Amino acid sequence: MVKSMTGYGRYESVTEEYKISVEMKAVNHRYLDLNIKMPKKFNYFEAGIRTLLKEYIQRGKVDVFISYEDYTEGRIGLKYNQSLASEYMEAFSAMARQFGIPDNITVMDLARCPEVLTMEQEPEDEDEIWKLLSGAVREAAGRFVQTRTAEGENLKNDLLGKLDLMESLVSEVEERSPQILEEYRNRLEEKVRELLAGSAIEENRIAAEVAIFADKICVDEETVRLRSHIQNTRKELLEGGGVGRKLDFIAQEMNREANTILSKANDLEVSQKAIALKTEIEKVREQIQNIE
């Protein structure tokens, strides 16, 4: 299926301990440009997130916003340093003996000593965090791809309609070409008759002049190639996939053929058809810029 390069996707993963929100939006870009904004604590997972997103996206400028809320206030715990407390008590006893003062240290006194009691953040389970984070990213990416696919279907249908119109214009140019030669021959014969005033007309000379003119205005090769490009574009659109770059190259080739037809045109009707072709090709190229 054909995918647009513009898209949007959002997903929230909520548990009793965490809430992870992932939001994605994209616009056109020649290559894949991932811009990820997330809490610093997730920087460790950035490479994994980029690898994961490349499974879903080939081209486009994609902005990814990740937010995180931690509901686990109990992760901060109190730690008792038993060995350090013992050292304090031994020092206090030694001081009491040395100076002959009462050794009346209480638990509260000991707790006030530096580093006996400390507050520590319990380590988080990185595997569990990655499981939640990668799941949220996949869900958001899936929804993101859905919007791209829906828009891509609209683009495909629009392009197929434009290709049908271009093909009809090519057919009209092909039908008109023999008529141009016949009209040129008739005008040439009429002009020669006027100049010769009743004398015999040299058919061989007339035929030679018509052949030279036919060679100058012949667009058979251009129309055949143009028709082939149109058919290839239609085939790629129907097959789908990441065809944006390929279609852009084909559109450039179609534009070259249309320019050649216009430069060879020695007839108003063919010129108008060639201009109409160029107009439609330009519309096709603009639309192709939106395809992944």
C-alpha atoms as a PDB file:
ATOM      1  CA  MET A   1       0.000   0.000   0.000  1.00  0.00           C
ATOM      2  CA  VAL A   2       1.074   3.600  -0.607  1.00  0.00           C
ATOM      3  CA  LYS A   3       1.783   5.723   2.474  1.00  0.00           C
ATOM      4  CA  SER A   4       1.787   9.467   2.852  1.00  0.00           C
ATOM      5  CA  MET A   5       4.724  11.106   4.623  1.00  0.00           C
ATOM      6  CA  THR A   6       2.413  13.188   6.798  1.00  0.00           C
ATOM      7  CA  GLY A   7       0.905  11.424   9.781  1.00  0.00           C
ATOM      8  CA  TYR A   8       0.036  11.527  13.476  1.00  0.00           C
ATOM      9  CA  GLY A   9      -0.093   8.912  16.221  1.00  0.00           C
ATOM     10  CA  ARG A  10      -0.473   8.957  20.007  1.00  0.00           C
ATOM     11  CA  TYR A  11      -0.618   6.343  22.749  1.00  0.00           C
ATOM     12  CA  GLU A  12      -0.515   6.227  26.566  1.00  0.00           C
ATOM     13  CA  SER A  13       0.655   3.259  28.592  1.00  0.00           C
ATOM     14  CA  VAL A  14      -0.614   3.441  32.181  1.00  0.00           C
ATOM     15  CA  THR A  15       0.160   1.060  35.049  1.00  0.00           C
ATOM     16  CA  GLU A  16      -0.045   1.382  38.822  1.00  0.00           C
ATOM     17  CA  GLU A  17       3.558   2.580  38.840  1.00  0.00           C
ATOM     18  CA  TYR A  18       4.074   4.489  35.579  1.00  0.00           C
ATOM     19  CA  LYS A  19       2.436   6.513  32.855  1.00  0.00           C
ATOM     20  CA  ILE A  20       4.278   6.750  29.532  1.00  0.00           C
ATOM     21  CA  SER A  21       2.867   8.906  26.718  1.00  0.00           C
ATOM     22  CA  VAL A  22       4.204   8.791  23.152  1.00  0.00           C
ATOM     23  CA  GLU A  23       3.150  11.270  20.462  1.00  0.00           C
ATOM     24  CA  MET A  24       4.366  11.268  16.862  1.00  0.00           C
ATOM     25  CA  LYS A  25       3.845  13.618  13.938  1.00  0.00           C
ATOM     26  CA  ALA A  26       5.582  13.913  10.584  1.00  0.00           C
ATOM     27  CA  VAL A  27       5.933  16.087   7.494  1.00  0.00           C
ATOM     28  CA  ASN A  28       7.673  15.584   4.152  1.00  0.00           C
ATOM     29  CA  HIS A  29      11.408  15.041   4.010  1.00  0.00           C
ATOM     30  CA  ARG A  30      13.779  13.573   1.480  1.00  0.00           C
ATOM     31  CA  TYR A  31      15.188  11.110   3.997  1.00  0.00           C
ATOM     32  CA  LEU A  32      14.239   9.760   7.427  1.00  0.00           C
ATOM     33  CA  ASP A  33      14.877  12.434  10.062  1.00  0.00           C
ATOM     34  CA  LEU A  34      13.918  11.347  13.597  1.00  0.00           C
ATOM     35  CA  ASN A  35      13.779  14.026  16.280  1.00  0.00           C
ATOM     36  CA  ILE A  36      13.104  12.456  19.705  1.00  0.00           C
ATOM     37  CA  LYS A  37      12.329  14.537  22.785  1.00  0.00           C
ATOM     38  CA  MET A  38      12.101  12.607  26.045  1.00  0.00           C
ATOM     39  CA  PRO A  39      13.127  12.718  29.731  1.00  0.00           C
ATOM     40  CA  LYS A  40      16.848  12.421  30.414  1.00  0.00           C
ATOM     41  CA  LYS A  41      16.318   9.141  32.242  1.00  0.00           C
ATOM     42  CA  PHE A  42      15.275   7.599  28.884  1.00  0.00           C
ATOM     43  CA  ASN A  43      18.411   8.692  26.981  1.00  0.00           C
ATOM     44  CA  TYR A  44      19.802   5.211  27.510  1.00  0.00           C
ATOM     45  CA  PHE A  45      16.977   3.821  25.329  1.00  0.00           C
ATOM     46  CA  GLU A  46      17.332   6.290  22.413  1.00  0.00           C
ATOM     47  CA  ALA A  47      19.196   3.897  20.105  1.00  0.00           C
ATOM     48  CA  GLY A  48      16.604   1.196  20.723  1.00  0.00           C
ATOM     49  CA  ILE A  49      13.751   3.624  20.019  1.00  0.00           C
ATOM     50  CA  ARG A  50      15.337   4.714  16.718  1.00  0.00           C
ATOM     51  CA  THR A  51      15.846   1.097  15.634  1.00  0.00           C
ATOM     52  CA  LEU A  52      12.249   0.280  16.520  1.00  0.00           C
ATOM     53  CA  LEU A  53      10.810   3.257  14.604  1.00  0.00           C
ATOM     54  CA  LYS A  54      12.765   2.343  11.461  1.00  0.00           C
ATOM     55  CA  GLU A  55      10.614  -0.795  11.274  1.00  0.00           C
ATOM     56  CA  TYR A  56       7.597   1.451  10.661  1.00  0.00           C
ATOM     57  CA  ILE A  57       8.986   4.512   8.858  1.00  0.00           C
ATOM     58  CA  GLN A  58      11.229   4.897   5.800  1.00  0.00           C
ATOM     59  CA  ARG A  59      11.061   8.609   5.015  1.00  0.00           C
ATOM     60  CA  GLY A  60       9.830  11.843   6.547  1.00  0.00           C
ATOM     61  CA  LYS A  61      10.739  14.373   9.224  1.00  0.00           C
ATOM     62  CA  VAL A  62       9.283  12.740  12.324  1.00  0.00           C
ATOM     63  CA  ASP A  63       8.985  14.443  15.709  1.00  0.00           C
ATOM     64  CA  VAL A  64       8.554  12.054  18.643  1.00  0.00           C
ATOM     65  CA  PHE A  65       7.528  13.341  22.069  1.00  0.00           C
ATOM     66  CA  ILE A  66       7.774  11.015  25.074  1.00  0.00           C
ATOM     67  CA  SER A  67       6.607  11.963  28.564  1.00  0.00           C
ATOM     68  CA  TYR A  68       6.881   9.965  31.772  1.00  0.00           C
ATOM     69  CA  GLU A  69       5.182  10.030  35.168  1.00  0.00           C
ATOM     70  CA  ASP A  70       6.295   7.929  38.138  1.00  0.00           C
ATOM     71  CA  TYR A  71       3.612   7.075  40.680  1.00  0.00           C
ATOM     72  CA  THR A  72       5.949   5.077  42.948  1.00  0.00           C
ATOM     73  CA  GLU A  73       6.743   7.532  45.742  1.00  0.00           C
ATOM     74  CA  GLY A  74       7.842   4.592  47.924  1.00  0.00           C
ATOM     75  CA  ARG A  75      10.919   4.052  45.761  1.00  0.00           C
ATOM     76  CA  ILE A  76      12.843   6.386  48.093  1.00  0.00           C
ATOM     77  CA  GLY A  77      13.986   4.307  51.101  1.00  0.00           C
ATOM     78  CA  LEU A  78      15.825   4.839  54.373  1.00  0.00           C
ATOM     79  CA  LYS A  79      19.164   3.032  54.718  1.00  0.00           C
ATOM     80  CA  TYR A  80      20.821   2.258  58.090  1.00  0.00           C
ATOM     81  CA  ASN A  81      24.630   2.040  58.004  1.00  0.00           C
ATOM     82  CA  GLN A  82      25.235  -0.454  60.825  1.00  0.00           C
ATOM     83  CA  SER A  83      29.020  -0.633  60.590  1.00  0.00           C
ATOM     84  CA  LEU A  84      29.365   3.149  60.679  1.00  0.00           C
ATOM     85  CA  ALA A  85      27.043   3.328  63.714  1.00  0.00           C
ATOM     86  CA  SER A  86      29.236   0.770  65.503  1.00  0.00           C
ATOM     87  CA  GLU A  87      32.311   2.871  64.839  1.00  0.00           C
ATOM     88  CA  TYR A  88      30.540   5.942  66.240  1.00  0.00           C
ATOM     89  CA  MET A  89      29.579   4.013  69.411  1.00  0.00           C
ATOM     90  CA  GLU A  90      33.139   2.749  69.888  1.00  0.00           C
ATOM     91  CA  ALA A  91      34.453   6.276  69.488  1.00  0.00           C
ATOM     92  CA  PHE A  92      31.911   7.615  71.992  1.00  0.00           C
ATOM     93  CA  SER A  93      32.876   4.897  74.553  1.00  0.00           C
ATOM     94  CA  ALA A  94      36.559   5.695  74.085  1.00  0.00           C
ATOM     95  CA  MET A  95      35.887   9.387  74.619  1.00  0.00           C
ATOM     96  CA  ALA A  96      33.880   8.632  77.795  1.00  0.00           C
ATOM     97  CA  ARG A  97      36.725   6.574  79.225  1.00  0.00           C
ATOM     98  CA  GLN A  98      39.377   9.084  78.267  1.00  0.00           C
ATOM     99  CA  PHE A  99      37.659  12.104  79.746  1.00  0.00           C
ATOM    100  CA  GLY A 100      35.751  10.357  82.576  1.00  0.00           C
ATOM    101  CA  ILE A 101      32.361  11.515  81.417  1.00  0.00           C
ATOM    102  CA  PRO A 102      29.086   9.528  81.285  1.00  0.00           C
ATOM    103  CA  ASP A 103      28.479   7.480  78.144  1.00  0.00           C
ATOM    104  CA  ASN A 104      24.803   8.382  77.753  1.00  0.00           C
ATOM    105  CA  ILE A 105      24.400   8.350  73.970  1.00  0.00           C
ATOM    106  CA  THR A 106      20.792   7.662  72.900  1.00  0.00           C
ATOM    107  CA  VAL A 107      19.451   6.280  69.629  1.00  0.00           C
ATOM    108  CA  MET A 108      18.348   9.757  68.605  1.00  0.00           C
ATOM    109  CA  ASP A 109      21.854  11.066  69.238  1.00  0.00           C
ATOM    110  CA  LEU A 110      23.339   8.298  67.117  1.00  0.00           C
ATOM    111  CA  ALA A 111      20.790   8.834  64.305  1.00  0.00           C
ATOM    112  CA  ARG A 112      21.898  12.454  64.024  1.00  0.00           C
ATOM    113  CA  CYS A 113      25.446  11.418  63.237  1.00  0.00           C
ATOM    114  CA  PRO A 114      26.384  11.900  59.543  1.00  0.00           C
ATOM    115  CA  GLU A 115      25.757   8.973  57.179  1.00  0.00           C
ATOM    116  CA  VAL A 116      24.253   6.690  59.847  1.00  0.00           C
ATOM    117  CA  LEU A 117      20.811   7.093  58.261  1.00  0.00           C
ATOM    118  CA  THR A 118      20.571   8.036  54.550  1.00  0.00           C
ATOM    119  CA  MET A 119      17.770   8.371  51.960  1.00  0.00           C
ATOM    120  CA  GLU A 120      18.374   6.363  48.807  1.00  0.00           C
ATOM    121  CA  GLN A 121      16.516   5.947  45.522  1.00  0.00           C
ATOM    122  CA  GLU A 122      15.727   2.339  44.882  1.00  0.00           C
ATOM    123  CA  PRO A 123      17.103   1.204  41.484  1.00  0.00           C
ATOM    124  CA  GLU A 124      14.524   0.882  38.693  1.00  0.00           C
ATOM    125  CA  ASP A 125      14.082  -2.239  36.647  1.00  0.00           C
ATOM    126  CA  GLU A 126      15.433  -1.153  33.231  1.00  0.00           C
ATOM    127  CA  ASP A 127      14.027  -4.224  31.510  1.00  0.00           C
ATOM    128  CA  GLU A 128      10.564  -3.435  32.830  1.00  0.00           C
ATOM    129  CA  ILE A 129      10.864   0.231  31.822  1.00  0.00           C
ATOM    130  CA  TRP A 130      11.985  -0.744  28.292  1.00  0.00           C
ATOM    131  CA  LYS A 131       9.127  -3.202  27.995  1.00  0.00           C
ATOM    132  CA  LEU A 132       6.605  -0.467  28.800  1.00  0.00           C
ATOM    133  CA  LEU A 133       8.385   2.183  26.726  1.00  0.00           C
ATOM    134  CA  SER A 134       8.870   0.031  23.624  1.00  0.00           C
ATOM    135  CA  GLY A 135       5.256  -1.152  23.844  1.00  0.00           C
ATOM    136  CA  ALA A 136       3.995   2.446  23.953  1.00  0.00           C
ATOM    137  CA  VAL A 137       6.262   3.440  21.042  1.00  0.00           C
ATOM    138  CA  ARG A 138       5.027   0.497  18.950  1.00  0.00           C
ATOM    139  CA  GLU A 139       1.382   1.350  19.625  1.00  0.00           C
ATOM    140  CA  ALA A 140       1.919   5.015  18.738  1.00  0.00           C
ATOM    141  CA  ALA A 141       3.882   4.026  15.603  1.00  0.00           C
ATOM    142  CA  GLY A 142       1.091   1.655  14.562  1.00  0.00           C
ATOM    143  CA  ARG A 143      -1.512   4.415  14.830  1.00  0.00           C
ATOM    144  CA  PHE A 144       0.873   6.787  13.078  1.00  0.00           C
ATOM    145  CA  VAL A 145       1.181   4.354  10.163  1.00  0.00           C
ATOM    146  CA  GLN A 146      -2.622   4.017   9.989  1.00  0.00           C
ATOM    147  CA  THR A 147      -3.039   7.749   9.367  1.00  0.00           C
ATOM    148  CA  ARG A 148      -0.248   7.646   6.775  1.00  0.00           C
ATOM    149  CA  THR A 149      -1.893   4.713   5.027  1.00  0.00           C
ATOM    150  CA  ALA A 150      -5.304   6.402   4.909  1.00  0.00           C
ATOM    151  CA  GLU A 151      -3.791   9.575   3.474  1.00  0.00           C
ATOM    152  CA  GLY A 152      -1.676   7.493   1.093  1.00  0.00           C
ATOM    153  CA  GLU A 153      -4.797   5.819  -0.292  1.00  0.00           C
ATOM    154  CA  ASN A 154      -6.260   9.238  -1.092  1.00  0.00           C
ATOM    155  CA  LEU A 155      -3.014  10.277  -2.765  1.00  0.00           C
ATOM    156  CA  LYS A 156      -2.942   7.093  -4.819  1.00  0.00           C
ATOM    157  CA  ASN A 157      -6.499   7.563  -6.088  1.00  0.00           C
ATOM    158  CA  ASP A 158      -5.815  11.185  -6.984  1.00  0.00           C
ATOM    159  CA  LEU A 159      -2.625  10.268  -8.848  1.00  0.00           C
ATOM    160  CA  LEU A 160      -4.326   7.441 -10.758  1.00  0.00           C
ATOM    161  CA  GLY A 161      -6.937   9.936 -11.958  1.00  0.00           C
ATOM    162  CA  LYS A 162      -4.222  12.329 -13.121  1.00  0.00           C
ATOM    163  CA  LEU A 163      -2.422   9.499 -14.934  1.00  0.00           C
ATOM    164  CA  ASP A 164      -5.630   8.616 -16.803  1.00  0.00           C
ATOM    165  CA  LEU A 165      -5.932  12.234 -17.932  1.00  0.00           C
ATOM    166  CA  MET A 166      -2.288  12.312 -19.031  1.00  0.00           C
ATOM    167  CA  GLU A 167      -2.751   9.108 -21.004  1.00  0.00           C
ATOM    168  CA  SER A 168      -5.750  10.585 -22.821  1.00  0.00           C
ATOM    169  CA  LEU A 169      -3.691  13.701 -23.682  1.00  0.00           C
ATOM    170  CA  VAL A 170      -0.916  11.492 -25.105  1.00  0.00           C
ATOM    171  CA  SER A 171      -3.515   9.673 -27.233  1.00  0.00           C
ATOM    172  CA  GLU A 172      -4.795  13.000 -28.563  1.00  0.00           C
ATOM    173  CA  VAL A 173      -1.250  14.055 -29.519  1.00  0.00           C
ATOM    174  CA  GLU A 174      -0.746  10.725 -31.322  1.00  0.00           C
ATOM    175  CA  GLU A 175      -4.032  11.142 -33.194  1.00  0.00           C
ATOM    176  CA  ARG A 176      -3.223  14.693 -34.190  1.00  0.00           C
ATOM    177  CA  SER A 177       0.289  14.035 -35.582  1.00  0.00           C
ATOM    178  CA  PRO A 178      -0.777  12.358 -38.893  1.00  0.00           C
ATOM    179  CA  GLN A 179      -3.311  15.133 -39.474  1.00  0.00           C
ATOM    180  CA  ILE A 180      -0.570  17.749 -39.150  1.00  0.00           C
ATOM    181  CA  LEU A 181       1.429  16.065 -41.923  1.00  0.00           C
ATOM    182  CA  GLU A 182      -1.580  15.848 -44.203  1.00  0.00           C
ATOM    183  CA  GLU A 183      -2.433  19.499 -43.625  1.00  0.00           C
ATOM    184  CA  TYR A 184       1.181  20.519 -44.264  1.00  0.00           C
ATOM    185  CA  ARG A 185       1.261  18.548 -47.516  1.00  0.00           C
ATOM    186  CA  ASN A 186      -1.974  20.180 -48.699  1.00  0.00           C
ATOM    187  CA  ARG A 187      -0.693  23.668 -47.841  1.00  0.00           C
ATOM    188  CA  LEU A 188       2.612  22.945 -49.574  1.00  0.00           C
ATOM    189  CA  GLU A 189       0.943  21.687 -52.731  1.00  0.00           C
ATOM    190  CA  GLU A 190      -1.392  24.685 -52.794  1.00  0.00           C
ATOM    191  CA  LYS A 191       1.518  27.084 -52.402  1.00  0.00           C
ATOM    192  CA  VAL A 192       3.509  25.364 -55.161  1.00  0.00           C
ATOM    193  CA  ARG A 193       0.533  25.526 -57.524  1.00  0.00           C
ATOM    194  CA  GLU A 194       0.234  29.245 -56.924  1.00  0.00           C
ATOM    195  CA  LEU A 195       3.924  29.750 -57.639  1.00  0.00           C
ATOM    196  CA  LEU A 196       4.057  27.500 -60.722  1.00  0.00           C
ATOM    197  CA  ALA A 197       0.808  28.916 -62.158  1.00  0.00           C
ATOM    198  CA  GLY A 198      -0.466  25.687 -63.714  1.00  0.00           C
ATOM    199  CA  SER A 199       2.846  24.008 -64.409  1.00  0.00           C
ATOM    200  CA  ALA A 200       3.397  20.383 -63.459  1.00  0.00           C
ATOM    201  CA  ILE A 201       4.091  19.729 -59.790  1.00  0.00           C
ATOM    202  CA  GLU A 202       7.112  17.630 -58.886  1.00  0.00           C
ATOM    203  CA  GLU A 203       5.657  15.001 -56.550  1.00  0.00           C
ATOM    204  CA  ASN A 204       9.091  13.760 -55.523  1.00  0.00           C
ATOM    205  CA  ARG A 205      10.088  17.205 -54.317  1.00  0.00           C
ATOM    206  CA  ILE A 206       6.806  17.568 -52.439  1.00  0.00           C
ATOM    207  CA  ALA A 207       7.308  14.150 -50.818  1.00  0.00           C
ATOM    208  CA  ALA A 208      10.870  15.047 -49.828  1.00  0.00           C
ATOM    209  CA  GLU A 209       9.775  18.313 -48.202  1.00  0.00           C
ATOM    210  CA  VAL A 210       6.983  16.504 -46.323  1.00  0.00           C
ATOM    211  CA  ALA A 211       9.456  13.866 -45.128  1.00  0.00           C
ATOM    212  CA  ILE A 212      11.833  16.546 -43.818  1.00  0.00           C
ATOM    213  CA  PHE A 213       8.964  18.281 -42.027  1.00  0.00           C
ATOM    214  CA  ALA A 214       7.713  14.976 -40.620  1.00  0.00           C
ATOM    215  CA  ASP A 215      11.135  14.238 -39.171  1.00  0.00           C
ATOM    216  CA  LYS A 216      11.251  17.628 -37.453  1.00  0.00           C
ATOM    217  CA  ILE A 217       7.862  17.313 -35.783  1.00  0.00           C
ATOM    218  CA  CYS A 218       7.829  13.558 -35.143  1.00  0.00           C
ATOM    219  CA  VAL A 219       7.064  12.840 -31.469  1.00  0.00           C
ATOM    220  CA  ASP A 220       6.472   9.104 -31.765  1.00  0.00           C
ATOM    221  CA  GLU A 221       9.448   8.219 -29.555  1.00  0.00           C
ATOM    222  CA  GLU A 222       8.449  10.769 -26.949  1.00  0.00           C
ATOM    223  CA  THR A 223       4.820   9.636 -26.763  1.00  0.00           C
ATOM    224  CA  VAL A 224       5.853   5.966 -26.544  1.00  0.00           C
ATOM    225  CA  ARG A 225       8.256   6.708 -23.688  1.00  0.00           C
ATOM    226  CA  LEU A 226       5.752   8.961 -21.982  1.00  0.00           C
ATOM    227  CA  ARG A 227       3.062   6.311 -22.182  1.00  0.00           C
ATOM    228  CA  SER A 228       5.542   3.790 -20.757  1.00  0.00           C
ATOM    229  CA  HIS A 229       6.360   6.109 -17.831  1.00  0.00           C
ATOM    230  CA  ILE A 230       2.657   6.575 -17.134  1.00  0.00           C
ATOM    231  CA  GLN A 231       2.116   2.824 -17.082  1.00  0.00           C
ATOM    232  CA  ASN A 232       5.134   2.296 -14.792  1.00  0.00           C
ATOM    233  CA  THR A 233       3.865   4.956 -12.400  1.00  0.00           C
ATOM    234  CA  ARG A 234       0.443   3.326 -12.291  1.00  0.00           C
ATOM    235  CA  LYS A 235       2.058  -0.090 -11.689  1.00  0.00           C
ATOM    236  CA  GLU A 236       4.187   1.215  -8.804  1.00  0.00           C
ATOM    237  CA  LEU A 237       1.188   2.919  -7.193  1.00  0.00           C
ATOM    238  CA  LEU A 238      -0.898  -0.248  -7.343  1.00  0.00           C
ATOM    239  CA  GLU A 239       1.916  -2.410  -5.970  1.00  0.00           C
ATOM    240  CA  GLY A 240       2.572   0.063  -3.137  1.00  0.00           C
ATOM    241  CA  GLY A 241       5.449   0.151  -0.670  1.00  0.00           C
ATOM    242  CA  GLY A 242       8.122   2.823  -0.336  1.00  0.00           C
ATOM    243  CA  VAL A 243       7.852   4.083  -3.926  1.00  0.00           C
ATOM    244  CA  GLY A 244       8.122   7.833  -3.379  1.00  0.00           C
ATOM    245  CA  ARG A 245      11.705   8.275  -4.584  1.00  0.00           C
ATOM    246  CA  LYS A 246      11.237   6.022  -7.595  1.00  0.00           C
ATOM    247  CA  LEU A 247       8.074   7.840  -8.646  1.00  0.00           C
ATOM    248  CA  ASP A 248       9.876  11.165  -8.325  1.00  0.00           C
ATOM    249  CA  PHE A 249      12.542  10.000 -10.803  1.00  0.00           C
ATOM    250  CA  ILE A 250       9.864   8.742 -13.219  1.00  0.00           C
ATOM    251  CA  ALA A 251       8.029  12.079 -12.988  1.00  0.00           C
ATOM    252  CA  GLN A 252      11.238  13.896 -13.945  1.00  0.00           C
ATOM    253  CA  GLU A 253      11.541  11.695 -17.029  1.00  0.00           C
ATOM    254  CA  MET A 254       7.907  12.351 -17.948  1.00  0.00           C
ATOM    255  CA  ASN A 255       8.553  16.075 -17.726  1.00  0.00           C
ATOM    256  CA  ARG A 256      11.523  15.780 -20.112  1.00  0.00           C
ATOM    257  CA  GLU A 257       9.390  13.966 -22.699  1.00  0.00           C
ATOM    258  CA  ALA A 258       6.632  16.578 -22.419  1.00  0.00           C
ATOM    259  CA  ASN A 259       9.201  19.370 -22.894  1.00  0.00           C
ATOM    260  CA  THR A 260      10.504  17.688 -26.050  1.00  0.00           C
ATOM    261  CA  ILE A 261       6.990  17.318 -27.447  1.00  0.00           C
ATOM    262  CA  LEU A 262       6.349  21.012 -26.788  1.00  0.00           C
ATOM    263  CA  SER A 263       9.631  22.064 -28.430  1.00  0.00           C
ATOM    264  CA  LYS A 264       8.824  20.000 -31.556  1.00  0.00           C
ATOM    265  CA  ALA A 265       5.224  21.147 -31.757  1.00  0.00           C
ATOM    266  CA  ASN A 266       4.452  23.075 -34.939  1.00  0.00           C
ATOM    267  CA  ASP A 267       0.746  23.012 -34.336  1.00  0.00           C
ATOM    268  CA  LEU A 268      -1.412  24.989 -31.899  1.00  0.00           C
ATOM    269  CA  GLU A 269      -3.459  22.002 -30.821  1.00  0.00           C
ATOM    270  CA  VAL A 270      -0.386  19.863 -30.073  1.00  0.00           C
ATOM    271  CA  SER A 271       1.182  22.772 -28.203  1.00  0.00           C
ATOM    272  CA  GLN A 272      -1.934  23.080 -26.040  1.00  0.00           C
ATOM    273  CA  LYS A 273      -1.912  19.347 -25.347  1.00  0.00           C
ATOM    274  CA  ALA A 274       1.792  19.451 -24.438  1.00  0.00           C
ATOM    275  CA  ILE A 275       1.212  22.365 -22.064  1.00  0.00           C
ATOM    276  CA  ALA A 276      -1.689  20.487 -20.471  1.00  0.00           C
ATOM    277  CA  LEU A 277       0.599  17.458 -20.095  1.00  0.00           C
ATOM    278  CA  LYS A 278       3.276  19.551 -18.391  1.00  0.00           C
ATOM    279  CA  THR A 279       0.672  21.000 -16.037  1.00  0.00           C
ATOM    280  CA  GLU A 280      -0.580  17.549 -15.028  1.00  0.00           C
ATOM    281  CA  ILE A 281       2.961  16.210 -14.647  1.00  0.00           C
ATOM    282  CA  GLU A 282       3.786  19.087 -12.312  1.00  0.00           C
ATOM    283  CA  LYS A 283       0.695  18.275 -10.241  1.00  0.00           C
ATOM    284  CA  VAL A 284       1.790  14.640 -10.130  1.00  0.00           C
ATOM    285  CA  ARG A 285       5.293  15.636  -8.992  1.00  0.00           C
ATOM    286  CA  GLU A 286       3.862  17.772  -6.196  1.00  0.00           C
ATOM    287  CA  GLN A 287       1.714  14.904  -4.982  1.00  0.00           C
ATOM    288  CA  ILE A 288       4.575  12.422  -5.216  1.00  0.00           C
ATOM    289  CA  GLN A 289       6.557  14.608  -2.795  1.00  0.00           C
ATOM    290  CA  ASN A 290       4.014  13.538  -0.150  1.00  0.00           C
ATOM    291  CA  ILE A 291       4.546   9.790  -0.719  1.00  0.00           C
ATOM    292  CA  GLU A 292       6.896   7.796   1.498  1.00  0.00           C
END
